């Protein structure tokens, strides 16, 4: 069986091609997202970064609330 005959089904039935592409994309997305479920947090601790001062936190909270 030639390579052309194996792909002929996708050329005659384009809905199969669309469904196949969507399945491949969905599997690829799952492969990329799955490791994130095994992490506790995505925030990394950085050395040398000081915590916010209380005044900075108050200003930040107002900024976030008011948009």
PDB file of N, CA and C in Angstrom:
ATOM      1  N   UNK A   1       0.846  -1.167   0.000  1.00  0.00           N
ATOM      2  CA  UNK A   1       0.000   0.000   0.000  1.00  0.00           C
ATOM      3  C   UNK A   1       0.897   1.238   0.000  1.00  0.00           C
ATOM      4  N   UNK A   2       0.660   2.096  -0.927  1.00  0.00           N
ATOM      5  CA  UNK A   2       1.506   3.282  -1.042  1.00  0.00           C
ATOM      6  C   UNK A   2       1.122   4.326   0.003  1.00  0.00           C
ATOM      7  N   UNK A   3       1.995   5.247   0.180  1.00  0.00           N
ATOM      8  CA  UNK A   3       1.775   6.314   1.146  1.00  0.00           C
ATOM      9  C   UNK A   3       0.560   7.159   0.762  1.00  0.00           C
ATOM     10  N   UNK A   4       0.352   7.332  -0.524  1.00  0.00           N
ATOM     11  CA  UNK A   4      -0.785   8.135  -0.994  1.00  0.00           C
ATOM     12  C   UNK A   4      -2.112   7.495  -0.601  1.00  0.00           C
ATOM     13  N   UNK A   5      -2.217   6.170  -0.664  1.00  0.00           N
ATOM     14  CA  UNK A   5      -3.471   5.495  -0.322  1.00  0.00           C
ATOM     15  C   UNK A   5      -3.751   5.560   1.171  1.00  0.00           C
ATOM     16  N   UNK A   6      -2.706   5.626   1.986  1.00  0.00           N
ATOM     17  CA  UNK A   6      -2.915   5.739   3.429  1.00  0.00           C
ATOM     18  C   UNK A   6      -3.500   7.112   3.789  1.00  0.00           C
ATOM     19  N   UNK A   7      -3.123   8.126   3.060  1.00  0.00           N
ATOM     20  CA  UNK A   7      -3.599   9.477   3.350  1.00  0.00           C
ATOM     21  C   UNK A   7      -4.846   9.844   2.542  1.00  0.00           C
ATOM     22  N   UNK A   8      -5.259   8.998   1.654  1.00  0.00           N
ATOM     23  CA  UNK A   8      -6.424   9.303   0.818  1.00  0.00           C
ATOM     24  C   UNK A   8      -7.691   9.437   1.644  1.00  0.00           C
ATOM     25  N   UNK A   9      -7.797   8.688   2.725  1.00  0.00           N
ATOM     26  CA  UNK A   9      -9.001   8.775   3.564  1.00  0.00           C
ATOM     27  C   UNK A   9      -9.146  10.173   4.176  1.00  0.00           C
ATOM     28  N   UNK A  10      -8.015  10.810   4.488  1.00  0.00           N
ATOM     29  CA  UNK A  10      -8.078  12.160   5.047  1.00  0.00           C
ATOM     30  C   UNK A  10      -8.410  13.196   3.985  1.00  0.00           C
ATOM     31  N   UNK A  11      -8.051  12.928   2.766  1.00  0.00           N
ATOM     32  CA  UNK A  11      -8.350  13.875   1.692  1.00  0.00           C
ATOM     33  C   UNK A  11      -9.813  13.801   1.278  1.00  0.00           C
ATOM     34  N   UNK A  12     -10.408  12.625   1.383  1.00  0.00           N
ATOM     35  CA  UNK A  12     -11.820  12.497   0.999  1.00  0.00           C
ATOM     36  C   UNK A  12     -12.751  12.851   2.147  1.00  0.00           C
ATOM     37  N   UNK A  13     -12.314  12.628   3.372  1.00  0.00           N
ATOM     38  CA  UNK A  13     -13.134  12.943   4.545  1.00  0.00           C
ATOM     39  C   UNK A  13     -12.391  13.977   5.395  1.00  0.00           C
ATOM     40  N   UNK A  14     -12.591  15.237   5.088  1.00  0.00           N
ATOM     41  CA  UNK A  14     -11.847  16.277   5.786  1.00  0.00           C
ATOM     42  C   UNK A  14     -12.251  16.386   7.249  1.00  0.00           C
ATOM     43  N   UNK A  15     -13.463  15.932   7.606  1.00  0.00           N
ATOM     44  CA  UNK A  15     -13.876  15.988   9.002  1.00  0.00           C
ATOM     45  C   UNK A  15     -12.981  15.087   9.851  1.00  0.00           C
ATOM     46  N   UNK A  16     -12.524  13.973   9.302  1.00  0.00           N
ATOM     47  CA  UNK A  16     -11.588  13.108  10.022  1.00  0.00           C
ATOM     48  C   UNK A  16     -10.257  13.812  10.248  1.00  0.00           C
ATOM     49  N   UNK A  17      -9.823  14.561   9.272  1.00  0.00           N
ATOM     50  CA  UNK A  17      -8.581  15.313   9.404  1.00  0.00           C
ATOM     51  C   UNK A  17      -8.708  16.377  10.501  1.00  0.00           C
ATOM     52  N   UNK A  18      -9.823  17.069  10.518  1.00  0.00           N
ATOM     53  CA  UNK A  18     -10.046  18.103  11.536  1.00  0.00           C
ATOM     54  C   UNK A  18     -10.102  17.469  12.925  1.00  0.00           C
ATOM     55  N   UNK A  19     -10.811  16.377  13.069  1.00  0.00           N
ATOM     56  CA  UNK A  19     -10.905  15.686  14.358  1.00  0.00           C
ATOM     57  C   UNK A  19      -9.530  15.185  14.790  1.00  0.00           C
ATOM     58  N   UNK A  20      -8.757  14.647  13.861  1.00  0.00           N
ATOM     59  CA  UNK A  20      -7.409  14.177  14.178  1.00  0.00           C
ATOM     60  C   UNK A  20      -6.506  15.300  14.648  1.00  0.00           C
ATOM     61  N   UNK A  21      -6.578  16.429  13.988  1.00  0.00           N
ATOM     62  CA  UNK A  21      -5.757  17.580  14.383  1.00  0.00           C
ATOM     63  C   UNK A  21      -6.152  18.056  15.770  1.00  0.00           C
ATOM     64  N   UNK A  22      -7.444  18.134  16.052  1.00  0.00           N
ATOM     65  CA  UNK A  22      -7.904  18.564  17.374  1.00  0.00           C
ATOM     66  C   UNK A  22      -7.460  17.596  18.471  1.00  0.00           C
ATOM     67  N   UNK A  23      -7.479  16.310  18.187  1.00  0.00           N
ATOM     68  CA  UNK A  23      -7.024  15.317  19.172  1.00  0.00           C
ATOM     69  C   UNK A  23      -5.537  15.481  19.450  1.00  0.00           C
ATOM     70  N   UNK A  24      -4.749  15.682  18.413  1.00  0.00           N
ATOM     71  CA  UNK A  24      -3.304  15.858  18.598  1.00  0.00           C
ATOM     72  C   UNK A  24      -3.015  17.117  19.406  1.00  0.00           C
ATOM     73  N   UNK A  25      -3.723  18.201  19.129  1.00  0.00           N
ATOM     74  CA  UNK A  25      -3.527  19.450  19.877  1.00  0.00           C
ATOM     75  C   UNK A  25      -3.943  19.274  21.335  1.00  0.00           C
ATOM     76  N   UNK A  26      -5.052  18.564  21.566  1.00  0.00           N
ATOM     77  CA  UNK A  26      -5.513  18.344  22.940  1.00  0.00           C
ATOM     78  C   UNK A  26      -4.504  17.514  23.730  1.00  0.00           C
ATOM     79  N   UNK A  27      -3.960  16.481  23.126  1.00  0.00           N
ATOM     80  CA  UNK A  27      -2.966  15.653  23.809  1.00  0.00           C
ATOM     81  C   UNK A  27      -1.714  16.477  24.104  1.00  0.00           C
ATOM     82  N   UNK A  28      -1.287  17.296  23.166  1.00  0.00           N
ATOM     83  CA  UNK A  28      -0.122  18.149  23.391  1.00  0.00           C
ATOM     84  C   UNK A  28      -0.350  19.126  24.526  1.00  0.00           C
ATOM     85  N   UNK A  29      -1.547  19.688  24.617  1.00  0.00           N
ATOM     86  CA  UNK A  29      -1.866  20.608  25.709  1.00  0.00           C
ATOM     87  C   UNK A  29      -1.841  19.907  27.058  1.00  0.00           C
ATOM     88  N   UNK A  30      -2.379  18.702  27.108  1.00  0.00           N
ATOM     89  CA  UNK A  30      -2.357  17.941  28.356  1.00  0.00           C
ATOM     90  C   UNK A  30      -0.938  17.603  28.782  1.00  0.00           C
ATOM     91  N   UNK A  31      -0.096  17.277  27.824  1.00  0.00           N
ATOM     92  CA  UNK A  31       1.293  16.947  28.141  1.00  0.00           C
ATOM     93  C   UNK A  31       2.005  18.166  28.729  1.00  0.00           C
ATOM     94  N   UNK A  32       1.664  19.357  28.265  1.00  0.00           N
ATOM     95  CA  UNK A  32       2.311  20.565  28.786  1.00  0.00           C
ATOM     96  C   UNK A  32       1.748  20.982  30.141  1.00  0.00           C
ATOM     97  N   UNK A  33       0.471  20.767  30.379  1.00  0.00           N
ATOM     98  CA  UNK A  33      -0.167  21.237  31.601  1.00  0.00           C
ATOM     99  C   UNK A  33      -0.002  20.259  32.762  1.00  0.00           C
ATOM    100  N   UNK A  34       0.044  18.976  32.495  1.00  0.00           N
ATOM    101  CA  UNK A  34       0.070  17.956  33.542  1.00  0.00           C
ATOM    102  C   UNK A  34       1.149  18.173  34.600  1.00  0.00           C
ATOM    103  N   UNK A  35       2.392  18.524  34.266  1.00  0.00           N
ATOM    104  CA  UNK A  35       3.394  18.715  35.326  1.00  0.00           C
ATOM    105  C   UNK A  35       3.041  19.824  36.310  1.00  0.00           C
ATOM    106  N   UNK A  36       2.223  20.796  35.912  1.00  0.00           N
ATOM    107  CA  UNK A  36       1.862  21.877  36.813  1.00  0.00           C
ATOM    108  C   UNK A  36       1.025  21.385  37.996  1.00  0.00           C
ATOM    109  N   UNK A  37       0.311  20.264  37.826  1.00  0.00           N
ATOM    110  CA  UNK A  37      -0.498  19.728  38.916  1.00  0.00           C
ATOM    111  C   UNK A  37       0.357  19.096  40.007  1.00  0.00           C
ATOM    112  N   UNK A  38       1.609  18.804  39.703  1.00  0.00           N
ATOM    113  CA  UNK A  38       2.492  18.183  40.687  1.00  0.00           C
ATOM    114  C   UNK A  38       3.311  19.211  41.463  1.00  0.00           C
ATOM    115  N   UNK A  39       3.188  20.480  41.133  1.00  0.00           N
ATOM    116  CA  UNK A  39       3.924  21.533  41.835  1.00  0.00           C
ATOM    117  C   UNK A  39       3.089  22.065  42.993  1.00  0.00           C
ATOM    118  N   UNK A  40       3.742  22.423  44.077  1.00  0.00           N
ATOM    119  CA  UNK A  40       3.017  23.047  45.191  1.00  0.00           C
ATOM    120  C   UNK A  40       2.726  24.511  44.875  1.00  0.00           C
ATOM    121  N   UNK A  41       3.692  25.168  44.297  1.00  0.00           N
ATOM    122  CA  UNK A  41       3.514  26.574  43.960  1.00  0.00           C
ATOM    123  C   UNK A  41       4.389  26.889  42.750  1.00  0.00           C
ATOM    124  N   UNK A  42       4.000  27.879  42.005  1.00  0.00           N
ATOM    125  CA  UNK A  42       4.819  28.295  40.868  1.00  0.00           C
ATOM    126  C   UNK A  42       5.625  29.541  41.206  1.00  0.00           C
ATOM    127  N   UNK A  43       5.527  30.006  42.462  1.00  0.00           N
ATOM    128  CA  UNK A  43       6.275  31.177  42.897  1.00  0.00           C
ATOM    129  C   UNK A  43       7.599  30.708  43.487  1.00  0.00           C
ATOM    130  N   UNK A  44       8.679  31.218  42.953  1.00  0.00           N
ATOM    131  CA  UNK A  44       9.995  30.820  43.422  1.00  0.00           C
ATOM    132  C   UNK A  44      10.523  31.823  44.430  1.00  0.00           C
ATOM    133  N   UNK A  45      11.206  31.316  45.435  1.00  0.00           N
ATOM    134  CA  UNK A  45      11.877  32.195  46.392  1.00  0.00           C
ATOM    135  C   UNK A  45      13.138  32.728  45.733  1.00  0.00           C
ATOM    136  N   UNK A  46      13.353  34.019  45.847  1.00  0.00           N
ATOM    137  CA  UNK A  46      14.544  34.628  45.270  1.00  0.00           C
ATOM    138  C   UNK A  46      15.424  35.167  46.392  1.00  0.00           C
ATOM    139  N   UNK A  47      16.706  34.899  46.297  1.00  0.00           N
ATOM    140  CA  UNK A  47      17.644  35.403  47.296  1.00  0.00           C
ATOM    141  C   UNK A  47      17.880  36.898  47.084  1.00  0.00           C
ATOM    142  N   UNK A  48      17.999  37.640  48.173  1.00  0.00           N
ATOM    143  CA  UNK A  48      18.331  39.048  48.078  1.00  0.00           C
ATOM    144  C   UNK A  48      17.154  39.953  47.804  1.00  0.00           C
ATOM    145  N   UNK A  49      15.943  39.427  47.846  1.00  0.00           N
ATOM    146  CA  UNK A  49      14.763  40.255  47.614  1.00  0.00           C
ATOM    147  C   UNK A  49      14.148  40.573  48.973  1.00  0.00           C
ATOM    148  N   UNK A  50      13.979  41.841  49.280  1.00  0.00           N
ATOM    149  CA  UNK A  50      13.438  42.212  50.580  1.00  0.00           C
ATOM    150  C   UNK A  50      11.915  42.144  50.552  1.00  0.00           C
ATOM    151  N   UNK A  51      11.295  41.893  51.702  1.00  0.00           N
ATOM    152  CA  UNK A  51       9.825  41.890  51.736  1.00  0.00           C
ATOM    153  C   UNK A  51       9.285  43.314  51.616  1.00  0.00           C
ATOM    154  N   UNK A  52       8.029  43.426  51.266  1.00  0.00           N
ATOM    155  CA  UNK A  52       7.405  44.745  51.181  1.00  0.00           C
ATOM    156  C   UNK A  52       7.270  45.364  52.566  1.00  0.00           C
ATOM    157  N   UNK A  53       7.467  46.655  52.648  1.00  0.00           N
ATOM    158  CA  UNK A  53       7.210  47.401  53.881  1.00  0.00           C
ATOM    159  C   UNK A  53       5.699  47.562  54.032  1.00  0.00           C
ATOM    160  N   UNK A  54       5.205  47.786  55.259  1.00  0.00           N
ATOM    161  CA  UNK A  54       3.755  47.947  55.444  1.00  0.00           C
ATOM    162  C   UNK A  54       3.148  49.063  54.597  1.00  0.00           C
ATOM    163  N   UNK A  55       3.867  50.162  54.426  1.00  0.00           N
ATOM    164  CA  UNK A  55       3.355  51.262  53.607  1.00  0.00           C
ATOM    165  C   UNK A  55       3.271  50.850  52.136  1.00  0.00           C
ATOM    166  N   UNK A  56       4.250  50.093  51.669  1.00  0.00           N
ATOM    167  CA  UNK A  56       4.218  49.600  50.289  1.00  0.00           C
ATOM    168  C   UNK A  56       3.058  48.638  50.079  1.00  0.00           C
ATOM    169  N   UNK A  57       2.814  47.780  51.065  1.00  0.00           N
ATOM    170  CA  UNK A  57       1.691  46.842  50.962  1.00  0.00           C
ATOM    171  C   UNK A  57       0.362  47.581  50.911  1.00  0.00           C
ATOM    172  N   UNK A  58       0.218  48.616  51.731  1.00  0.00           N
ATOM    173  CA  UNK A  58      -1.033  49.381  51.731  1.00  0.00           C
ATOM    174  C   UNK A  58      -1.246  50.053  50.385  1.00  0.00           C
ATOM    175  N   UNK A  59      -0.187  50.631  49.837  1.00  0.00           N
ATOM    176  CA  UNK A  59      -0.301  51.268  48.526  1.00  0.00           C
ATOM    177  C   UNK A  59      -0.610  50.270  47.432  1.00  0.00           C
ATOM    178  N   UNK A  60      -0.020  49.102  47.543  1.00  0.00           N
ATOM    179  CA  UNK A  60      -0.258  48.050  46.539  1.00  0.00           C
ATOM    180  C   UNK A  60      -1.695  47.562  46.600  1.00  0.00           C
ATOM    181  N   UNK A  61      -2.227  47.401  47.812  1.00  0.00           N
ATOM    182  CA  UNK A  61      -3.601  46.948  47.959  1.00  0.00           C
ATOM    183  C   UNK A  61      -4.590  47.954  47.386  1.00  0.00           C
ATOM    184  N   UNK A  62      -4.333  49.236  47.590  1.00  0.00           N
ATOM    185  CA  UNK A  62      -5.212  50.262  47.028  1.00  0.00           C
ATOM    186  C   UNK A  62      -5.147  50.236  45.511  1.00  0.00           C
ATOM    187  N   UNK A  63      -3.948  50.081  44.970  1.00  0.00           N
ATOM    188  CA  UNK A  63      -3.777  50.046  43.517  1.00  0.00           C
ATOM    189  C   UNK A  63      -4.528  48.864  42.908  1.00  0.00           C
ATOM    190  N   UNK A  64      -4.434  47.705  43.563  1.00  0.00           N
ATOM    191  CA  UNK A  64      -5.096  46.510  43.041  1.00  0.00           C
ATOM    192  C   UNK A  64      -6.612  46.660  43.136  1.00  0.00           C
ATOM    193  N   UNK A  65      -7.098  47.230  44.237  1.00  0.00           N
ATOM    194  CA  UNK A  65      -8.548  47.395  44.423  1.00  0.00           C
ATOM    195  C   UNK A  65      -9.145  48.356  43.418  1.00  0.00           C
ATOM    196  N   UNK A  66      -8.456  49.456  43.151  1.00  0.00           N
ATOM    197  CA  UNK A  66      -9.014  50.496  42.283  1.00  0.00           C
ATOM    198  C   UNK A  66      -8.703  50.251  40.821  1.00  0.00           C
ATOM    199  N   UNK A  67      -7.852  49.314  40.529  1.00  0.00           N
ATOM    200  CA  UNK A  67      -7.578  48.948  39.155  1.00  0.00           C
ATOM    201  C   UNK A  67      -6.603  49.864  38.507  1.00  0.00           C
TER     202      UNK A  67
END
